[in-house]
C-alpha atoms as a PDB file:
ATOM      1  CA  MET A   1      -0.348   0.075  -0.181  1.00  0.00           C
ATOM      2  CA  LYS A   2       2.590   2.200   0.986  1.00  0.00           C
ATOM      3  CA  ASN A   3       4.286   2.019  -2.405  1.00  0.00           C
ATOM      4  CA  PHE A   4       1.126   2.446  -4.282  1.00  0.00           C
ATOM      5  CA  ILE A   5       0.995   5.879  -2.037  1.00  0.00           C
ATOM      6  CA  ILE A   6       4.083   6.362  -3.653  1.00  0.00           C
ATOM      7  CA  MET A   7       3.679   6.038  -7.231  1.00  0.00           C
ATOM      8  CA  ILE A   8      -0.128   7.892  -6.581  1.00  0.00           C
ATOM      9  CA  GLY A   9       2.286  10.759  -5.308  1.00  0.00           C
ATOM     10  CA  GLY A  10       4.776  10.381  -7.833  1.00  0.00           C
ATOM     11  CA  SER A  11       2.683  10.462 -11.289  1.00  0.00           C
ATOM     12  CA  LEU A  12       0.668  12.973  -9.606  1.00  0.00           C
ATOM     13  CA  CYS A  13       3.627  15.475  -9.008  1.00  0.00           C
ATOM     14  CA  ALA A  14       5.382  14.726 -12.072  1.00  0.00           C
ATOM     15  CA  TRP A  15       1.943  15.834 -14.498  1.00  0.00           C
ATOM     16  CA  PHE A  16       2.326  19.266 -12.418  1.00  0.00           C
ATOM     17  CA  CYS A  17       5.136  19.668 -12.648  1.00  0.00           C
ATOM     18  CA  CYS A  18       6.219  18.373 -15.969  1.00  0.00           C
ATOM     19  CA  ASP A  19       5.066  20.710 -19.267  1.00  0.00           C
ATOM     20  CA  PRO A  20       3.980  17.287 -22.302  1.00  0.00           C
ATOM     21  CA  GLU A  21       5.319  19.927 -25.017  1.00  0.00           C
ATOM     22  CA  ASP A  22       8.898  20.066 -23.036  1.00  0.00           C
ATOM     23  CA  ASP A  23       9.939  16.659 -24.246  1.00  0.00           C
ATOM     24  CA  VAL A  24       9.546  18.236 -28.239  1.00  0.00           C
ATOM     25  CA  TYR A  25      12.840  19.775 -29.366  1.00  0.00           C
ATOM     26  CA  PRO A  26      12.815  20.738 -33.231  1.00  0.00           C
ATOM     27  CA  GLU A  27      15.242  19.386 -34.844  1.00  0.00           C
ATOM     28  CA  PRO A  28      18.139  22.054 -36.324  1.00  0.00           C
ATOM     29  CA  TYR A  29      18.856  21.981 -39.769  1.00  0.00           C
ATOM     30  CA  GLU A  30      22.149  20.325 -40.777  1.00  0.00           C
ATOM     31  CA  SER A  31      25.291  22.325 -42.283  1.00  0.00           C
ATOM     32  CA  ILE A  32      26.003  19.541 -44.740  1.00  0.00           C
ATOM     33  CA  ASP A  33      25.334  18.939 -48.846  1.00  0.00           C
ATOM     34  CA  ARG A  34      22.281  17.146 -49.819  1.00  0.00           C
ATOM     35  CA  ILE A  35      21.951  15.824 -53.444  1.00  0.00           C
ATOM     36  CA  ALA A  36      18.918  14.047 -54.570  1.00  0.00           C
ATOM     37  CA  VAL A  37      18.356  11.807 -58.441  1.00  0.00           C
ATOM     38  CA  LEU A  38      14.868  11.209 -58.971  1.00  0.00           C
ATOM     39  CA  ILE A  39      14.510   8.816 -62.323  1.00  0.00           C
ATOM     40  CA  VAL A  40      11.300   9.375 -64.751  1.00  0.00           C
ATOM     41  CA  ASP A  41       9.753   6.923 -66.728  1.00  0.00           C
ATOM     42  CA  ASP A  42       9.628   8.745 -70.421  1.00  0.00           C
ATOM     43  CA  VAL A  43       6.662   6.771 -71.479  1.00  0.00           C
ATOM     44  CA  ALA A  44       4.795   6.198 -68.362  1.00  0.00           C
ATOM     45  CA  ASN A  45       5.298  10.053 -67.201  1.00  0.00           C
ATOM     46  CA  GLU A  46       5.636   8.345 -63.419  1.00  0.00           C
ATOM     47  CA  PHE A  47       8.566   8.310 -60.895  1.00  0.00           C
ATOM     48  CA  GLU A  48      10.504   5.679 -60.752  1.00  0.00           C
ATOM     49  CA  GLY A  49      12.709   5.678 -57.277  1.00  0.00           C
ATOM     50  CA  GLY A  50      16.477   7.140 -57.394  1.00  0.00           C
ATOM     51  CA  GLU A  51      18.882   7.871 -54.789  1.00  0.00           C
ATOM     52  CA  TYR A  52      20.018  10.729 -51.822  1.00  0.00           C
ATOM     53  CA  TYR A  53      23.502  11.906 -51.368  1.00  0.00           C
ATOM     54  CA  HIS A  54      24.562  13.975 -48.281  1.00  0.00           C
ATOM     55  CA  TYR A  55      27.723  14.546 -47.666  1.00  0.00           C
ATOM     56  CA  TYR A  56      27.796  14.999 -43.976  1.00  0.00           C
ATOM     57  CA  ASN A  57      31.828  15.800 -43.988  1.00  0.00           C
ATOM     58  CA  GLN A  58      31.541  19.472 -46.003  1.00  0.00           C
ATOM     59  CA  GLN A  59      29.147  21.724 -46.641  1.00  0.00           C
ATOM     60  CA  TYR A  60      30.575  22.948 -50.471  1.00  0.00           C
ATOM     61  CA  LEU A  61      30.263  26.878 -51.698  1.00  0.00           C
ATOM     62  CA  THR A  62      30.166  25.875 -55.061  1.00  0.00           C
ATOM     63  CA  TYR A  63      27.764  23.520 -56.477  1.00  0.00           C
ATOM     64  CA  ASN A  64      29.206  21.984 -60.208  1.00  0.00           C
ATOM     65  CA  LEU A  65      28.295  19.037 -62.288  1.00  0.00           C
ATOM     66  CA  GLN A  66      29.679  17.632 -64.460  1.00  0.00           C
ATOM     67  CA  VAL A  67      29.108  15.869 -67.544  1.00  0.00           C
ATOM     68  CA  GLU A  68      30.054  13.696 -70.070  1.00  0.00           C
ATOM     69  CA  ASN A  69      27.890  12.378 -72.831  1.00  0.00           C
ATOM     70  CA  VAL A  70      28.936   9.461 -75.818  1.00  0.00           C
ATOM     71  CA  PRO A  71      25.805   8.980 -77.967  1.00  0.00           C
ATOM     72  CA  ALA A  72      25.843   5.736 -78.096  1.00  0.00           C
ATOM     73  CA  ALA A  73      27.100   5.322 -82.531  1.00  0.00           C
ATOM     74  CA  ASP A  74      27.612   1.373 -80.876  1.00  0.00           C
ATOM     75  CA  THR A  75      27.207   1.903 -77.094  1.00  0.00           C
ATOM     76  CA  GLY A  76      27.589   4.835 -75.503  1.00  0.00           C
ATOM     77  CA  TYR A  77      27.199   6.390 -71.968  1.00  0.00           C
ATOM     78  CA  ILE A  78      26.105   8.747 -69.565  1.00  0.00           C
ATOM     79  CA  LYS A  79      28.295  10.553 -66.218  1.00  0.00           C
ATOM     80  CA  VAL A  80      27.810  12.943 -63.797  1.00  0.00           C
ATOM     81  CA  GLN A  81      30.213  14.325 -62.323  1.00  0.00           C
ATOM     82  CA  PHE A  82      29.390  16.077 -58.802  1.00  0.00           C
ATOM     83  CA  VAL A  83      32.619  17.930 -59.327  1.00  0.00           C
ATOM     84  CA  GLU A  84      33.104  19.088 -54.859  1.00  0.00           C
ATOM     85  CA  GLY A  85      32.056  15.480 -53.918  1.00  0.00           C
ATOM     86  CA  ASN A  86      34.469  14.364 -56.433  1.00  0.00           C
ATOM     87  CA  GLN A  87      31.562  11.814 -56.597  1.00  0.00           C
ATOM     88  CA  LEU A  88      30.454   9.992 -59.347  1.00  0.00           C
ATOM     89  CA  ILE A  89      26.036  10.409 -59.189  1.00  0.00           C
ATOM     90  CA  TYR A  90      24.278   8.937 -62.223  1.00  0.00           C
ATOM     91  CA  HIS A  91      26.270   6.410 -64.999  1.00  0.00           C
ATOM     92  CA  ALA A  92      24.225   4.958 -67.514  1.00  0.00           C
ATOM     93  CA  SER A  93      25.038   3.126 -70.929  1.00  0.00           C
ATOM     94  CA  GLN A  94      22.920   3.804 -74.002  1.00  0.00           C
ATOM     95  CA  ILE A  95      23.603   0.956 -76.958  1.00  0.00           C
ATOM     96  CA  PHE A  96      22.418   1.677 -79.903  1.00  0.00           C
ATOM     97  CA  ASN A  97      20.006  -0.043 -81.885  1.00  0.00           C
ATOM     98  CA  GLY A  98      19.072  -2.321 -78.006  1.00  0.00           C
ATOM     99  CA  SER A  99      18.795  -1.465 -74.170  1.00  0.00           C
ATOM    100  CA  GLY A 100      21.210   0.083 -71.719  1.00  0.00           C
ATOM    101  CA  THR A 101      21.116   0.052 -68.083  1.00  0.00           C
ATOM    102  CA  ILE A 102      21.642   2.575 -65.368  1.00  0.00           C
ATOM    103  CA  ILE A 103      25.350   1.412 -63.617  1.00  0.00           C
ATOM    104  CA  VAL A 104      24.588   3.923 -60.703  1.00  0.00           C
ATOM    105  CA  PRO A 105      22.698   4.341 -58.507  1.00  0.00           C
ATOM    106  CA  ASN A 106      21.645   0.612 -59.027  1.00  0.00           C
ATOM    107  CA  PRO A 107      19.656  -0.339 -57.169  1.00  0.00           C
ATOM    108  CA  LEU A 108      17.366   2.095 -56.891  1.00  0.00           C
ATOM    109  CA  LYS A 109      15.225   3.444 -54.028  1.00  0.00           C
ATOM    110  CA  ASP A 110      11.263   2.560 -54.556  1.00  0.00           C
ATOM    111  CA  PRO A 111       9.598   6.024 -54.878  1.00  0.00           C
ATOM    112  CA  SER A 112       7.675   4.952 -51.659  1.00  0.00           C
ATOM    113  CA  TYR A 113      11.049   5.191 -50.042  1.00  0.00           C
ATOM    114  CA  PHE A 114      10.204   9.193 -50.310  1.00  0.00           C
ATOM    115  CA  ASP A 115       8.006  11.330 -48.628  1.00  0.00           C
ATOM    116  CA  ARG A 116       4.912  13.667 -50.313  1.00  0.00           C
ATOM    117  CA  VAL A 117       3.868  16.912 -48.713  1.00  0.00           C
ATOM    118  CA  SER A 118       0.221  16.818 -47.802  1.00  0.00           C
ATOM    119  CA  THR A 119      -0.566  19.897 -50.011  1.00  0.00           C
ATOM    120  CA  GLU A 120      -2.388  19.285 -53.332  1.00  0.00           C
ATOM    121  CA  ASP A 121      -0.418  22.594 -55.190  1.00  0.00           C
ATOM    122  CA  PHE A 122       1.813  22.669 -58.180  1.00  0.00           C
ATOM    123  CA  ALA A 123       4.968  23.791 -58.304  1.00  0.00           C
ATOM    124  CA  ASN A 124       6.667  24.897 -61.817  1.00  0.00           C
ATOM    125  CA  LEU A 125       9.750  23.762 -62.733  1.00  0.00           C
ATOM    126  CA  PRO A 126      12.448  26.874 -61.597  1.00  0.00           C
ATOM    127  CA  GLN A 127      12.894  29.643 -64.864  1.00  0.00           C
ATOM    128  CA  VAL A 128      16.805  28.548 -63.289  1.00  0.00           C
ATOM    129  CA  ALA A 129      16.597  24.697 -64.205  1.00  0.00           C
ATOM    130  CA  ILE A 130      19.476  23.622 -66.330  1.00  0.00           C
ATOM    131  CA  GLU A 131      19.378  20.798 -68.989  1.00  0.00           C
ATOM    132  CA  LEU A 132      22.832  19.101 -68.550  1.00  0.00           C
ATOM    133  CA  THR A 133      22.446  17.580 -72.503  1.00  0.00           C
ATOM    134  CA  ASN A 134      21.598  20.636 -74.227  1.00  0.00           C
ATOM    135  CA  GLY A 135      19.343  18.593 -75.901  1.00  0.00           C
ATOM    136  CA  SER A 136      16.761  20.393 -76.802  1.00  0.00           C
ATOM    137  CA  SER A 137      13.813  18.948 -74.855  1.00  0.00           C
ATOM    138  CA  ASN A 138      10.552  20.615 -75.426  1.00  0.00           C
ATOM    139  CA  GLU A 139       9.670  22.124 -72.722  1.00  0.00           C
ATOM    140  CA  ASP A 140       6.069  20.815 -72.464  1.00  0.00           C
ATOM    141  CA  GLU A 141       7.600  17.468 -72.711  1.00  0.00           C
ATOM    142  CA  VAL A 142       9.921  18.859 -69.928  1.00  0.00           C
ATOM    143  CA  GLN A 143       7.246  19.653 -67.638  1.00  0.00           C
ATOM    144  CA  LYS A 144       5.161  16.384 -67.549  1.00  0.00           C
ATOM    145  CA  LYS A 145       8.181  15.042 -66.662  1.00  0.00           C
ATOM    146  CA  TRP A 146       8.280  17.476 -63.762  1.00  0.00           C
ATOM    147  CA  ALA A 147       4.854  17.087 -62.532  1.00  0.00           C
ATOM    148  CA  ALA A 148       6.271  13.587 -61.455  1.00  0.00           C
ATOM    149  CA  VAL A 149       8.814  14.383 -59.383  1.00  0.00           C
ATOM    150  CA  GLN A 150       8.076  17.922 -58.257  1.00  0.00           C
ATOM    151  CA  ASN A 151       5.487  17.037 -54.586  1.00  0.00           C
ATOM    152  CA  LEU A 152       8.941  14.782 -53.790  1.00  0.00           C
ATOM    153  CA  LEU A 153       9.517  16.692 -50.051  1.00  0.00           C
ATOM    154  CA  ILE A 154      13.638  16.555 -51.090  1.00  0.00           C
ATOM    155  CA  VAL A 155      11.702  18.683 -53.852  1.00  0.00           C
ATOM    156  CA  ARG A 156       9.924  21.412 -52.440  1.00  0.00           C
ATOM    157  CA  MET A 157      12.348  21.436 -49.867  1.00  0.00           C
ATOM    158  CA  GLY A 158      15.720  21.793 -52.835  1.00  0.00           C
ATOM    159  CA  LEU A 159      13.432  25.150 -53.936  1.00  0.00           C
ATOM    160  CA  GLU A 160      13.201  26.765 -51.277  1.00  0.00           C
ATOM    161  CA  LEU A 161      16.482  27.871 -51.242  1.00  0.00           C
ATOM    162  CA  GLU A 162      17.443  31.350 -52.138  1.00  0.00           C
ATOM    163  CA  ASN A 163      19.118  29.946 -54.764  1.00  0.00           C
ATOM    164  CA  PRO A 164      17.371  26.106 -55.743  1.00  0.00           C
ATOM    165  CA  LYS A 165      19.809  24.293 -58.246  1.00  0.00           C
ATOM    166  CA  ILE A 166      17.997  21.365 -60.467  1.00  0.00           C
ATOM    167  CA  HIS A 167      19.202  20.019 -63.823  1.00  0.00           C
ATOM    168  CA  TYR A 168      17.295  17.604 -65.908  1.00  0.00           C
ATOM    169  CA  PHE A 169      18.484  15.581 -68.806  1.00  0.00           C
ATOM    170  CA  LYS A 170      16.731  12.882 -70.963  1.00  0.00           C
ATOM    171  CA  GLN A 171      18.550   9.890 -70.571  1.00  0.00           C
ATOM    172  CA  ASN A 172      17.788   7.498 -73.952  1.00  0.00           C
ATOM    173  CA  LEU A 173      18.909   4.238 -72.892  1.00  0.00           C
ATOM    174  CA  GLY A 174      17.931   1.793 -75.818  1.00  0.00           C
ATOM    175  CA  GLY A 175      19.163   4.254 -78.839  1.00  0.00           C
ATOM    176  CA  GLY A 176      16.124   5.102 -80.241  1.00  0.00           C
ATOM    177  CA  PHE A 177      14.249   2.445 -81.893  1.00  0.00           C
ATOM    178  CA  THR A 178      13.007   1.740 -78.095  1.00  0.00           C
ATOM    179  CA  GLU A 179      11.078   2.796 -75.744  1.00  0.00           C
ATOM    180  CA  ASN A 180      12.935   2.545 -72.444  1.00  0.00           C
ATOM    181  CA  ASN A 181      14.368   6.014 -72.205  1.00  0.00           C
ATOM    182  CA  LYS A 182      14.325   8.241 -68.926  1.00  0.00           C
ATOM    183  CA  TRP A 183      13.927  11.759 -67.312  1.00  0.00           C
ATOM    184  CA  VAL A 184      17.041  12.186 -64.830  1.00  0.00           C
ATOM    185  CA  PHE A 185      16.428  15.623 -62.354  1.00  0.00           C
ATOM    186  CA  ILE A 186      19.421  16.424 -59.700  1.00  0.00           C
ATOM    187  CA  VAL A 187      18.011  18.604 -56.900  1.00  0.00           C
ATOM    188  CA  LYS A 188      20.212  19.979 -54.783  1.00  0.00           C
ATOM    189  CA  TYR A 189      18.186  20.083 -51.244  1.00  0.00           C
END
């Protein structure tokens, strides 16, 4: 009985003295570089997945991507290197009259891995977005592909930056003879 009274008294004291919101602390924003590579299917206009890259050791003052694009005369490839982080963030083969593959990132994180915003608004592709391969893509076509990723939380975080960094290109995996094309969006967030 004595323990029961102490337990009740302790519970009442904790209830009166403690504010339940005292235990909730907002997570501080970590000053790290984050990049997401997001893949959209060209035919279905659906987000297929992607990958996150986090650079915890450094906050780079600049952000540059280097692209190497070898068209598929027989076999070719596209490589995208994050220069400051010295890391290959995307690499895919292009096979003439065949089927190329995405080599990096592989495997892709499933679309369910990426959080989406709860609002129904639409975020337009910013004017500062850069096409990496100079393919002179049709603006309507780019907007259709952008629609598949614009509601991802990491994309919205990237759009909130003072100077958003978004790059994109169309990846022709099949050399023009198959419908195995992907769109790649690279977002710094």
